[in-house]
C-alpha atoms as a PDB file:
ATOM      1  CA  MET A   1     -59.630  64.412  78.978  1.00  0.00           C
ATOM      2  CA  GLY A   2     -57.393  61.367  78.765  1.00  0.00           C
ATOM      3  CA  ARG A   3     -59.752  59.668  76.299  1.00  0.00           C
ATOM      4  CA  LEU A   4     -59.801  62.752  74.027  1.00  0.00           C
ATOM      5  CA  ARG A   5     -56.005  62.834  74.002  1.00  0.00           C
ATOM      6  CA  ILE A   6     -55.875  59.156  72.914  1.00  0.00           C
ATOM      7  CA  MET A   7     -58.367  59.812  70.084  1.00  0.00           C
ATOM      8  CA  LEU A   8     -56.325  62.784  68.844  1.00  0.00           C
ATOM      9  CA  ASN A   9     -53.125  60.722  68.945  1.00  0.00           C
ATOM     10  CA  ASP A  10     -54.811  57.949  66.928  1.00  0.00           C
ATOM     11  CA  ARG A  11     -56.002  60.485  64.374  1.00  0.00           C
ATOM     12  CA  LYS A  12     -52.502  61.985  64.071  1.00  0.00           C
ATOM     13  CA  ARG A  13     -51.056  58.496  63.544  1.00  0.00           C
ATOM     14  CA  PHE A  14     -53.616  57.779  60.811  1.00  0.00           C
ATOM     15  CA  VAL A  15     -52.948  61.070  59.000  1.00  0.00           C
ATOM     16  CA  CYS A  16     -49.197  60.525  59.240  1.00  0.00           C
ATOM     17  CA  SER A  17     -49.531  56.957  57.899  1.00  0.00           C
ATOM     18  CA  ALA A  18     -51.724  58.099  55.019  1.00  0.00           C
ATOM     19  CA  ALA A  19     -49.265  60.852  54.107  1.00  0.00           C
ATOM     20  CA  MET A  20     -46.349  58.405  54.182  1.00  0.00           C
ATOM     21  CA  ALA A  21     -48.261  55.974  51.961  1.00  0.00           C
ATOM     22  CA  ALA A  22     -48.920  58.726  49.422  1.00  0.00           C
ATOM     23  CA  VAL A  23     -45.232  59.640  49.387  1.00  0.00           C
ATOM     24  CA  PHE A  24     -44.244  55.999  48.818  1.00  0.00           C
ATOM     25  CA  VAL A  25     -46.686  55.712  45.900  1.00  0.00           C
ATOM     26  CA  LEU A  26     -45.273  58.829  44.282  1.00  0.00           C
ATOM     27  CA  LEU A  27     -41.689  57.679  44.830  1.00  0.00           C
ATOM     28  CA  ALA A  28     -42.399  54.229  43.427  1.00  0.00           C
ATOM     29  CA  GLY A  29     -44.029  55.434  40.229  1.00  0.00           C
ATOM     30  CA  GLY A  30     -43.095  59.089  39.948  1.00  0.00           C
ATOM     31  CA  ALA A  31     -45.668  61.659  38.939  1.00  0.00           C
ATOM     32  CA  ASN A  32     -47.415  59.133  36.666  1.00  0.00           C
ATOM     33  CA  ALA A  33     -48.183  56.750  39.537  1.00  0.00           C
ATOM     34  CA  LEU A  34     -51.659  58.189  39.957  1.00  0.00           C
ATOM     35  CA  ALA A  35     -52.268  59.097  36.308  1.00  0.00           C
ATOM     36  CA  ALA A  36     -54.692  57.235  34.073  1.00  0.00           C
ATOM     37  CA  PRO A  37     -53.110  54.790  31.616  1.00  0.00           C
ATOM     38  CA  THR A  38     -52.381  55.926  28.071  1.00  0.00           C
ATOM     39  CA  VAL A  39     -54.343  54.173  25.321  1.00  0.00           C
ATOM     40  CA  ARG A  40     -52.203  53.385  22.268  1.00  0.00           C
ATOM     41  CA  CYS A  41     -53.889  52.079  19.119  1.00  0.00           C
ATOM     42  CA  VAL A  42     -52.591  49.913  16.268  1.00  0.00           C
ATOM     43  CA  PRO A  43     -52.536  50.606  13.311  1.00  0.00           C
ATOM     44  CA  ASN A  44     -53.835  54.162  13.856  1.00  0.00           C
ATOM     45  CA  TYR A  45     -55.640  56.351  16.350  1.00  0.00           C
ATOM     46  CA  THR A  46     -58.966  56.427  14.475  1.00  0.00           C
ATOM     47  CA  ILE A  47     -60.052  53.002  15.770  1.00  0.00           C
ATOM     48  CA  ASN A  48     -61.117  54.379  19.156  1.00  0.00           C
ATOM     49  CA  SER A  49     -61.867  57.841  20.532  1.00  0.00           C
ATOM     50  CA  SER A  50     -59.646  57.306  23.586  1.00  0.00           C
ATOM     51  CA  CYS A  51     -56.481  56.661  21.536  1.00  0.00           C
ATOM     52  CA  THR A  52     -53.458  58.928  21.606  1.00  0.00           C
ATOM     53  CA  PRO A  53     -52.965  60.797  18.316  1.00  0.00           C
ATOM     54  CA  THR A  54     -49.696  58.954  17.627  1.00  0.00           C
ATOM     55  CA  VAL A  55     -49.594  56.423  14.777  1.00  0.00           C
ATOM     56  CA  TYR A  56     -48.280  52.964  15.697  1.00  0.00           C
ATOM     57  CA  PRO A  57     -48.075  50.880  12.497  1.00  0.00           C
ATOM     58  CA  THR A  58     -47.112  47.706  14.394  1.00  0.00           C
ATOM     59  CA  ILE A  59     -47.926  46.132  17.734  1.00  0.00           C
ATOM     60  CA  SER A  60     -44.202  46.096  18.546  1.00  0.00           C
ATOM     61  CA  ALA A  61     -43.993  49.868  18.022  1.00  0.00           C
ATOM     62  CA  ALA A  62     -46.884  50.438  20.432  1.00  0.00           C
ATOM     63  CA  VAL A  63     -45.386  48.056  23.017  1.00  0.00           C
ATOM     64  CA  SER A  64     -41.997  49.796  22.770  1.00  0.00           C
ATOM     65  CA  ALA A  65     -43.583  53.218  23.297  1.00  0.00           C
ATOM     66  CA  ALA A  66     -45.850  52.055  26.126  1.00  0.00           C
ATOM     67  CA  ALA A  67     -45.202  52.654  29.799  1.00  0.00           C
ATOM     68  CA  SER A  68     -46.149  50.199  32.528  1.00  0.00           C
ATOM     69  CA  GLY A  69     -49.918  50.040  32.903  1.00  0.00           C
ATOM     70  CA  ASP A  70     -50.735  51.423  29.444  1.00  0.00           C
ATOM     71  CA  ILE A  71     -53.446  49.915  27.235  1.00  0.00           C
ATOM     72  CA  ILE A  72     -52.804  48.866  23.636  1.00  0.00           C
ATOM     73  CA  LEU A  73     -55.838  48.441  21.385  1.00  0.00           C
ATOM     74  CA  VAL A  74     -55.252  46.397  18.231  1.00  0.00           C
ATOM     75  CA  ALA A  75     -57.599  46.659  15.247  1.00  0.00           C
ATOM     76  CA  PRO A  76     -58.616  43.470  13.430  1.00  0.00           C
ATOM     77  CA  GLY A  77     -56.093  42.353  10.852  1.00  0.00           C
ATOM     78  CA  THR A  78     -52.962  40.322  10.273  1.00  0.00           C
ATOM     79  CA  TYR A  79     -49.764  41.540  11.896  1.00  0.00           C
ATOM     80  CA  PRO A  80     -46.769  39.494  10.655  1.00  0.00           C
ATOM     81  CA  GLU A  81     -44.446  40.196  13.574  1.00  0.00           C
ATOM     82  CA  SER A  82     -43.082  38.721  16.750  1.00  0.00           C
ATOM     83  CA  VAL A  83     -43.917  40.732  19.864  1.00  0.00           C
ATOM     84  CA  THR A  84     -42.162  40.566  23.225  1.00  0.00           C
ATOM     85  CA  VAL A  85     -43.918  42.222  26.157  1.00  0.00           C
ATOM     86  CA  SER A  86     -41.588  42.812  29.106  1.00  0.00           C
ATOM     87  CA  LYS A  87     -43.683  45.218  31.175  1.00  0.00           C
ATOM     88  CA  PRO A  88     -47.146  45.107  32.713  1.00  0.00           C
ATOM     89  CA  LEU A  89     -49.670  46.424  30.193  1.00  0.00           C
ATOM     90  CA  SER A  90     -53.009  45.485  28.643  1.00  0.00           C
ATOM     91  CA  LEU A  91     -53.165  44.222  25.072  1.00  0.00           C
ATOM     92  CA  ARG A  92     -56.780  44.260  23.849  1.00  0.00           C
ATOM     93  CA  ARG A  93     -58.632  43.889  20.593  1.00  0.00           C
ATOM     94  CA  ALA A  94     -60.374  46.998  19.372  1.00  0.00           C
ATOM     95  CA  SER A  95     -63.936  46.852  18.117  1.00  0.00           C
ATOM     96  CA  TRP A  96     -64.116  47.641  14.440  1.00  0.00           C
ATOM     97  CA  LYS A  97     -66.425  50.490  13.474  1.00  0.00           C
END
């Protein structure tokens, strides 16, 4: 009986810890903490099927609109601009069709 009580207490502690961890994740990142990253494409959304339907003519425009953790796909080309990235995100080249 004593051993069963210890196992149940351990299980309650685990469930409580897991619930607290989930709350901390949601508080740290809001409702989007568990959401998949948004894929933003430059210069337009036709370069990849996973792109959002918003047009970003420049890399800077996509970076400005991006949230932490988003992915920016850039089509081949010349982009005469200076880009400052001040948040964690992925900047990748898109394969040309």
